[in-house]
Structures are given as C-alpha cells and as structure tokens.
C-alpha cells in the first residue's frame, strides 16, 4: 500500500471516512480471496465512496427542492 498516494487522494476526508474506506477495502480484499488489503482494493473503494457521496449530495438537493 502506497501511503503517500493514499494521503494525496484522501485530503479533506474525516477520520470516520478514512475508517469506512479501509473497511470497504478490507471487505473487497476478503471477497476476492486476499488476506491483506492491496492498493487496488483501496483505490476501488475510494472511487466507490467518492462516487456514492456525489450521488447522495445530488439526491439531498433534489429533496430540498421538492420540499421548498
């Protein structure tokens, strides 16, 4: 795992978000038969979390528009 690359890509994330990232990466690693988390697992998980958060922000705005 390249910690410098991880640090560059996770600027601004909270401790809870980093914990979630590592948990998702660990689940991906175990699901694919690995006993250790690899860079690929972390990067895939980071993409999934970032895309998911973008979608959820959009949904919140849509709900807000509907309630106003």
PDB file of N, CA and C in Angstrom:
ATOM      1  N   UNK A   1       0.849  -1.161   0.000  1.00  0.00           N
ATOM      2  CA  UNK A   1       0.000   0.000   0.000  1.00  0.00           C
ATOM      3  C   UNK A   1       0.903   1.235   0.000  1.00  0.00           C
ATOM      4  N   UNK A   2       0.638   2.151  -0.902  1.00  0.00           N
ATOM      5  CA  UNK A   2       1.411   3.383  -1.016  1.00  0.00           C
ATOM      6  C   UNK A   2       0.725   4.470  -0.187  1.00  0.00           C
ATOM      7  N   UNK A   3       1.250   4.743   0.990  1.00  0.00           N
ATOM      8  CA  UNK A   3       0.610   5.695   1.902  1.00  0.00           C
ATOM      9  C   UNK A   3       0.659   7.125   1.387  1.00  0.00           C
ATOM     10  N   UNK A   4       1.715   7.485   0.659  1.00  0.00           N
ATOM     11  CA  UNK A   4       1.795   8.842   0.107  1.00  0.00           C
ATOM     12  C   UNK A   4       0.693   9.074  -0.914  1.00  0.00           C
ATOM     13  N   UNK A   5       0.468   8.095  -1.781  1.00  0.00           N
ATOM     14  CA  UNK A   5      -0.598   8.211  -2.778  1.00  0.00           C
ATOM     15  C   UNK A   5      -1.962   8.270  -2.087  1.00  0.00           C
ATOM     16  N   UNK A   6      -2.140   7.448  -1.068  1.00  0.00           N
ATOM     17  CA  UNK A   6      -3.395   7.448  -0.321  1.00  0.00           C
ATOM     18  C   UNK A   6      -3.625   8.807   0.341  1.00  0.00           C
ATOM     19  N   UNK A   7      -2.584   9.369   0.931  1.00  0.00           N
ATOM     20  CA  UNK A   7      -2.701  10.678   1.582  1.00  0.00           C
ATOM     21  C   UNK A   7      -3.077  11.765   0.579  1.00  0.00           C
ATOM     22  N   UNK A   8      -2.488  11.718  -0.617  1.00  0.00           N
ATOM     23  CA  UNK A   8      -2.808  12.717  -1.647  1.00  0.00           C
ATOM     24  C   UNK A   8      -4.256  12.611  -2.106  1.00  0.00           C
ATOM     25  N   UNK A   9      -4.766  11.401  -2.183  1.00  0.00           N
ATOM     26  CA  UNK A   9      -6.122  11.200  -2.712  1.00  0.00           C
ATOM     27  C   UNK A   9      -7.213  11.369  -1.660  1.00  0.00           C
ATOM     28  N   UNK A  10      -6.827  11.414  -0.377  1.00  0.00           N
ATOM     29  CA  UNK A  10      -7.845  11.492   0.672  1.00  0.00           C
ATOM     30  C   UNK A  10      -7.779  12.804   1.454  1.00  0.00           C
ATOM     31  N   UNK A  11      -7.205  13.832   0.865  1.00  0.00           N
ATOM     32  CA  UNK A  11      -7.131  15.135   1.534  1.00  0.00           C
ATOM     33  C   UNK A  11      -8.552  15.617   1.838  1.00  0.00           C
ATOM     34  N   UNK A  12      -8.774  16.051   3.067  1.00  0.00           N
ATOM     35  CA  UNK A  12     -10.075  16.579   3.450  1.00  0.00           C
ATOM     36  C   UNK A  12     -11.047  15.548   3.992  1.00  0.00           C
ATOM     37  N   UNK A  13     -10.683  14.283   3.963  1.00  0.00           N
ATOM     38  CA  UNK A  13     -11.576  13.259   4.495  1.00  0.00           C
ATOM     39  C   UNK A  13     -11.441  13.212   6.015  1.00  0.00           C
ATOM     40  N   UNK A  14     -12.537  12.950   6.688  1.00  0.00           N
ATOM     41  CA  UNK A  14     -12.517  12.845   8.150  1.00  0.00           C
ATOM     42  C   UNK A  14     -11.991  11.466   8.556  1.00  0.00           C
ATOM     43  N   UNK A  15     -11.726  11.327   9.829  1.00  0.00           N
ATOM     44  CA  UNK A  15     -11.275  10.035  10.344  1.00  0.00           C
ATOM     45  C   UNK A  15     -12.305   8.940  10.115  1.00  0.00           C
ATOM     46  N   UNK A  16     -13.568   9.281  10.269  1.00  0.00           N
ATOM     47  CA  UNK A  16     -14.644   8.304  10.058  1.00  0.00           C
ATOM     48  C   UNK A  16     -14.702   7.881   8.589  1.00  0.00           C
ATOM     49  N   UNK A  17     -14.494   8.823   7.679  1.00  0.00           N
ATOM     50  CA  UNK A  17     -14.499   8.495   6.249  1.00  0.00           C
ATOM     51  C   UNK A  17     -13.313   7.601   5.893  1.00  0.00           C
ATOM     52  N   UNK A  18     -12.152   7.871   6.501  1.00  0.00           N
ATOM     53  CA  UNK A  18     -10.979   7.020   6.264  1.00  0.00           C
ATOM     54  C   UNK A  18     -11.208   5.616   6.816  1.00  0.00           C
ATOM     55  N   UNK A  19     -11.837   5.541   7.977  1.00  0.00           N
ATOM     56  CA  UNK A  19     -12.149   4.237   8.557  1.00  0.00           C
ATOM     57  C   UNK A  19     -13.093   3.459   7.643  1.00  0.00           C
ATOM     58  N   UNK A  20     -14.089   4.126   7.124  1.00  0.00           N
ATOM     59  CA  UNK A  20     -15.029   3.496   6.205  1.00  0.00           C
ATOM     60  C   UNK A  20     -14.324   3.017   4.941  1.00  0.00           C
ATOM     61  N   UNK A  21     -13.416   3.831   4.443  1.00  0.00           N
ATOM     62  CA  UNK A  21     -12.646   3.469   3.251  1.00  0.00           C
ATOM     63  C   UNK A  21     -11.876   2.178   3.476  1.00  0.00           C
ATOM     64  N   UNK A  22     -11.176   2.081   4.592  1.00  0.00           N
ATOM     65  CA  UNK A  22     -10.385   0.885   4.877  1.00  0.00           C
ATOM     66  C   UNK A  22     -11.285  -0.324   5.109  1.00  0.00           C
ATOM     67  N   UNK A  23     -12.436  -0.122   5.760  1.00  0.00           N
ATOM     68  CA  UNK A  23     -13.377  -1.237   5.970  1.00  0.00           C
ATOM     69  C   UNK A  23     -13.912  -1.768   4.646  1.00  0.00           C
ATOM     70  N   UNK A  24     -14.271  -0.870   3.725  1.00  0.00           N
ATOM     71  CA  UNK A  24     -14.763  -1.295   2.413  1.00  0.00           C
ATOM     72  C   UNK A  24     -13.657  -2.028   1.663  1.00  0.00           C
ATOM     73  N   UNK A  25     -12.434  -1.503   1.736  1.00  0.00           N
ATOM     74  CA  UNK A  25     -11.298  -2.153   1.068  1.00  0.00           C
ATOM     75  C   UNK A  25     -11.039  -3.546   1.654  1.00  0.00           C
ATOM     76  N   UNK A  26     -11.171  -3.681   2.969  1.00  0.00           N
ATOM     77  CA  UNK A  26     -10.974  -4.978   3.613  1.00  0.00           C
ATOM     78  C   UNK A  26     -12.027  -5.984   3.157  1.00  0.00           C
ATOM     79  N   UNK A  27     -13.268  -5.528   3.038  1.00  0.00           N
ATOM     80  CA  UNK A  27     -14.332  -6.425   2.559  1.00  0.00           C
ATOM     81  C   UNK A  27     -14.075  -6.849   1.117  1.00  0.00           C
ATOM     82  N   UNK A  28     -13.600  -5.910   0.283  1.00  0.00           N
ATOM     83  CA  UNK A  28     -13.274  -6.255  -1.108  1.00  0.00           C
ATOM     84  C   UNK A  28     -12.141  -7.275  -1.150  1.00  0.00           C
ATOM     85  N   UNK A  29     -11.126  -7.066  -0.314  1.00  0.00           N
ATOM     86  CA  UNK A  29      -9.991  -7.990  -0.275  1.00  0.00           C
ATOM     87  C   UNK A  29     -10.445  -9.397   0.116  1.00  0.00           C
ATOM     88  N   UNK A  30     -11.234  -9.492   1.164  1.00  0.00           N
ATOM     89  CA  UNK A  30     -11.710 -10.804   1.612  1.00  0.00           C
ATOM     90  C   UNK A  30     -12.627 -11.459   0.587  1.00  0.00           C
ATOM     91  N   UNK A  31     -13.446 -10.656  -0.067  1.00  0.00           N
ATOM     92  CA  UNK A  31     -14.369 -11.201  -1.068  1.00  0.00           C
ATOM     93  C   UNK A  31     -13.626 -11.782  -2.263  1.00  0.00           C
ATOM     94  N   UNK A  32     -12.434 -11.263  -2.537  1.00  0.00           N
ATOM     95  CA  UNK A  32     -11.652 -11.766  -3.670  1.00  0.00           C
ATOM     96  C   UNK A  32     -10.585 -12.769  -3.241  1.00  0.00           C
ATOM     97  N   UNK A  33     -10.615 -13.180  -1.965  1.00  0.00           N
ATOM     98  CA  UNK A  33      -9.723 -14.234  -1.501  1.00  0.00           C
ATOM     99  C   UNK A  33      -8.372 -13.765  -0.989  1.00  0.00           C
ATOM    100  N   UNK A  34      -8.193 -12.479  -0.786  1.00  0.00           N
ATOM    101  CA  UNK A  34      -6.932 -11.961  -0.255  1.00  0.00           C
ATOM    102  C   UNK A  34      -7.027 -11.814   1.255  1.00  0.00           C
ATOM    103  N   UNK A  35      -5.907 -12.050   1.935  1.00  0.00           N
ATOM    104  CA  UNK A  35      -5.870 -11.874   3.377  1.00  0.00           C
ATOM    105  C   UNK A  35      -5.317 -10.512   3.766  1.00  0.00           C
ATOM    106  N   UNK A  36      -4.771  -9.780   2.796  1.00  0.00           N
ATOM    107  CA  UNK A  36      -4.238  -8.444   3.037  1.00  0.00           C
ATOM    108  C   UNK A  36      -4.881  -7.459   2.073  1.00  0.00           C
ATOM    109  N   UNK A  37      -4.965  -6.209   2.510  1.00  0.00           N
ATOM    110  CA  UNK A  37      -5.514  -5.158   1.663  1.00  0.00           C
ATOM    111  C   UNK A  37      -4.415  -4.653   0.741  1.00  0.00           C
ATOM    112  N   UNK A  38      -4.707  -4.602  -0.540  1.00  0.00           N
ATOM    113  CA  UNK A  38      -3.754  -4.105  -1.531  1.00  0.00           C
ATOM    114  C   UNK A  38      -4.194  -2.725  -2.028  1.00  0.00           C
ATOM    115  N   UNK A  39      -3.267  -2.029  -2.669  1.00  0.00           N
ATOM    116  CA  UNK A  39      -3.546  -0.698  -3.208  1.00  0.00           C
ATOM    117  C   UNK A  39      -4.790  -0.698  -4.086  1.00  0.00           C
ATOM    118  N   UNK A  40      -4.932  -1.707  -4.909  1.00  0.00           N
ATOM    119  CA  UNK A  40      -6.077  -1.784  -5.823  1.00  0.00           C
ATOM    120  C   UNK A  40      -7.395  -1.802  -5.054  1.00  0.00           C
ATOM    121  N   UNK A  41      -7.440  -2.518  -3.932  1.00  0.00           N
ATOM    122  CA  UNK A  41      -8.657  -2.575  -3.118  1.00  0.00           C
ATOM    123  C   UNK A  41      -8.993  -1.194  -2.567  1.00  0.00           C
ATOM    124  N   UNK A  42      -7.980  -0.488  -2.105  1.00  0.00           N
ATOM    125  CA  UNK A  42      -8.201   0.838  -1.531  1.00  0.00           C
ATOM    126  C   UNK A  42      -8.649   1.821  -2.605  1.00  0.00           C
ATOM    127  N   UNK A  43      -8.000   1.788  -3.761  1.00  0.00           N
ATOM    128  CA  UNK A  43      -8.361   2.721  -4.829  1.00  0.00           C
ATOM    129  C   UNK A  43      -9.770   2.460  -5.347  1.00  0.00           C
ATOM    130  N   UNK A  44     -10.142   1.199  -5.486  1.00  0.00           N
ATOM    131  CA  UNK A  44     -11.508   0.866  -5.913  1.00  0.00           C
ATOM    132  C   UNK A  44     -12.522   1.343  -4.875  1.00  0.00           C
ATOM    133  N   UNK A  45     -12.201   1.149  -3.611  1.00  0.00           N
ATOM    134  CA  UNK A  45     -13.095   1.569  -2.536  1.00  0.00           C
ATOM    135  C   UNK A  45     -13.207   3.086  -2.482  1.00  0.00           C
ATOM    136  N   UNK A  46     -12.102   3.777  -2.694  1.00  0.00           N
ATOM    137  CA  UNK A  46     -12.114   5.237  -2.695  1.00  0.00           C
ATOM    138  C   UNK A  46     -12.999   5.761  -3.816  1.00  0.00           C
ATOM    139  N   UNK A  47     -12.870   5.179  -4.992  1.00  0.00           N
ATOM    140  CA  UNK A  47     -13.731   5.586  -6.106  1.00  0.00           C
ATOM    141  C   UNK A  47     -15.198   5.347  -5.774  1.00  0.00           C
ATOM    142  N   UNK A  48     -15.484   4.206  -5.188  1.00  0.00           N
ATOM    143  CA  UNK A  48     -16.869   3.868  -4.838  1.00  0.00           C
ATOM    144  C   UNK A  48     -17.436   4.852  -3.808  1.00  0.00           C
ATOM    145  N   UNK A  49     -16.637   5.192  -2.796  1.00  0.00           N
ATOM    146  CA  UNK A  49     -17.096   6.112  -1.756  1.00  0.00           C
ATOM    147  C   UNK A  49     -17.275   7.513  -2.323  1.00  0.00           C
ATOM    148  N   UNK A  50     -16.332   7.972  -3.152  1.00  0.00           N
ATOM    149  CA  UNK A  50     -16.436   9.314  -3.716  1.00  0.00           C
ATOM    150  C   UNK A  50     -17.618   9.432  -4.665  1.00  0.00           C
ATOM    151  N   UNK A  51     -17.837   8.451  -5.483  1.00  0.00           N
ATOM    152  CA  UNK A  51     -18.976   8.483  -6.394  1.00  0.00           C
ATOM    153  C   UNK A  51     -20.275   8.404  -5.608  1.00  0.00           C
ATOM    154  N   UNK A  52     -20.310   7.567  -4.582  1.00  0.00           N
ATOM    155  CA  UNK A  52     -21.501   7.454  -3.752  1.00  0.00           C
ATOM    156  C   UNK A  52     -21.823   8.749  -3.047  1.00  0.00           C
ATOM    157  N   UNK A  53     -20.813   9.452  -2.560  1.00  0.00           N
ATOM    158  CA  UNK A  53     -21.085  10.699  -1.855  1.00  0.00           C
ATOM    159  C   UNK A  53     -21.564  11.773  -2.823  1.00  0.00           C
ATOM    160  N   UNK A  54     -21.084  11.768  -4.053  1.00  0.00           N
ATOM    161  CA  UNK A  54     -21.562  12.726  -5.043  1.00  0.00           C
ATOM    162  C   UNK A  54     -23.033  12.479  -5.351  1.00  0.00           C
ATOM    163  N   UNK A  55     -23.407  11.225  -5.469  1.00  0.00           N
ATOM    164  CA  UNK A  55     -24.802  10.888  -5.743  1.00  0.00           C
ATOM    165  C   UNK A  55     -25.694  11.291  -4.582  1.00  0.00           C
ATOM    166  N   UNK A  56     -25.262  11.013  -3.366  1.00  0.00           N
ATOM    167  CA  UNK A  56     -26.110  11.329  -2.221  1.00  0.00           C
ATOM    168  C   UNK A  56     -26.288  12.836  -2.077  1.00  0.00           C
ATOM    169  N   UNK A  57     -25.255  13.619  -2.368  1.00  0.00           N
ATOM    170  CA  UNK A  57     -25.396  15.074  -2.304  1.00  0.00           C
ATOM    171  C   UNK A  57     -26.432  15.539  -3.314  1.00  0.00           C
ATOM    172  N   UNK A  58     -26.423  14.963  -4.497  1.00  0.00           N
ATOM    173  CA  UNK A  58     -27.392  15.342  -5.514  1.00  0.00           C
ATOM    174  C   UNK A  58     -28.804  15.014  -5.095  1.00  0.00           C
ATOM    175  N   UNK A  59     -28.993  13.871  -4.470  1.00  0.00           N
ATOM    176  CA  UNK A  59     -30.320  13.473  -4.006  1.00  0.00           C
ATOM    177  C   UNK A  59     -30.812  14.399  -2.907  1.00  0.00           C
ATOM    178  N   UNK A  60     -29.920  14.845  -2.022  1.00  0.00           N
ATOM    179  CA  UNK A  60     -30.315  15.755  -0.954  1.00  0.00           C
ATOM    180  C   UNK A  60     -30.799  17.078  -1.542  1.00  0.00           C
ATOM    181  N   UNK A  61     -30.114  17.564  -2.546  1.00  0.00           N
ATOM    182  CA  UNK A  61     -30.519  18.812  -3.179  1.00  0.00           C
ATOM    183  C   UNK A  61     -31.877  18.662  -3.862  1.00  0.00           C
ATOM    184  N   UNK A  62     -32.093  17.509  -4.486  1.00  0.00           N
ATOM    185  CA  UNK A  62     -33.370  17.282  -5.153  1.00  0.00           C
ATOM    186  C   UNK A  62     -34.505  17.241  -4.133  1.00  0.00           C
ATOM    187  N   UNK A  63     -34.293  16.582  -3.013  1.00  0.00           N
ATOM    188  CA  UNK A  63     -35.305  16.513  -1.962  1.00  0.00           C
ATOM    189  C   UNK A  63     -35.553  17.914  -1.412  1.00  0.00           C
ATOM    190  N   UNK A  64     -34.483  18.678  -1.234  1.00  0.00           N
ATOM    191  CA  UNK A  64     -34.632  20.038  -0.722  1.00  0.00           C
ATOM    192  C   UNK A  64     -35.467  20.883  -1.673  1.00  0.00           C
ATOM    193  N   UNK A  65     -35.228  20.747  -2.969  1.00  0.00           N
ATOM    194  CA  UNK A  65     -36.025  21.495  -3.950  1.00  0.00           C
ATOM    195  C   UNK A  65     -37.488  21.118  -3.884  1.00  0.00           C
ATOM    196  N   UNK A  66     -37.749  19.835  -3.680  1.00  0.00           N
ATOM    197  CA  UNK A  66     -39.129  19.355  -3.638  1.00  0.00           C
ATOM    198  C   UNK A  66     -39.852  19.862  -2.409  1.00  0.00           C
ATOM    199  N   UNK A  67     -39.136  20.040  -1.287  1.00  0.00           N
ATOM    200  CA  UNK A  67     -39.791  20.471  -0.051  1.00  0.00           C
ATOM    201  C   UNK A  67     -40.003  21.976  -0.008  1.00  0.00           C
ATOM    202  N   UNK A  68     -39.242  22.731  -0.801  1.00  0.00           N
ATOM    203  CA  UNK A  68     -39.414  24.180  -0.801  1.00  0.00           C
ATOM    204  C   UNK A  68     -40.554  24.517  -1.672  1.00  0.00           C
TER     205      UNK A  68
END
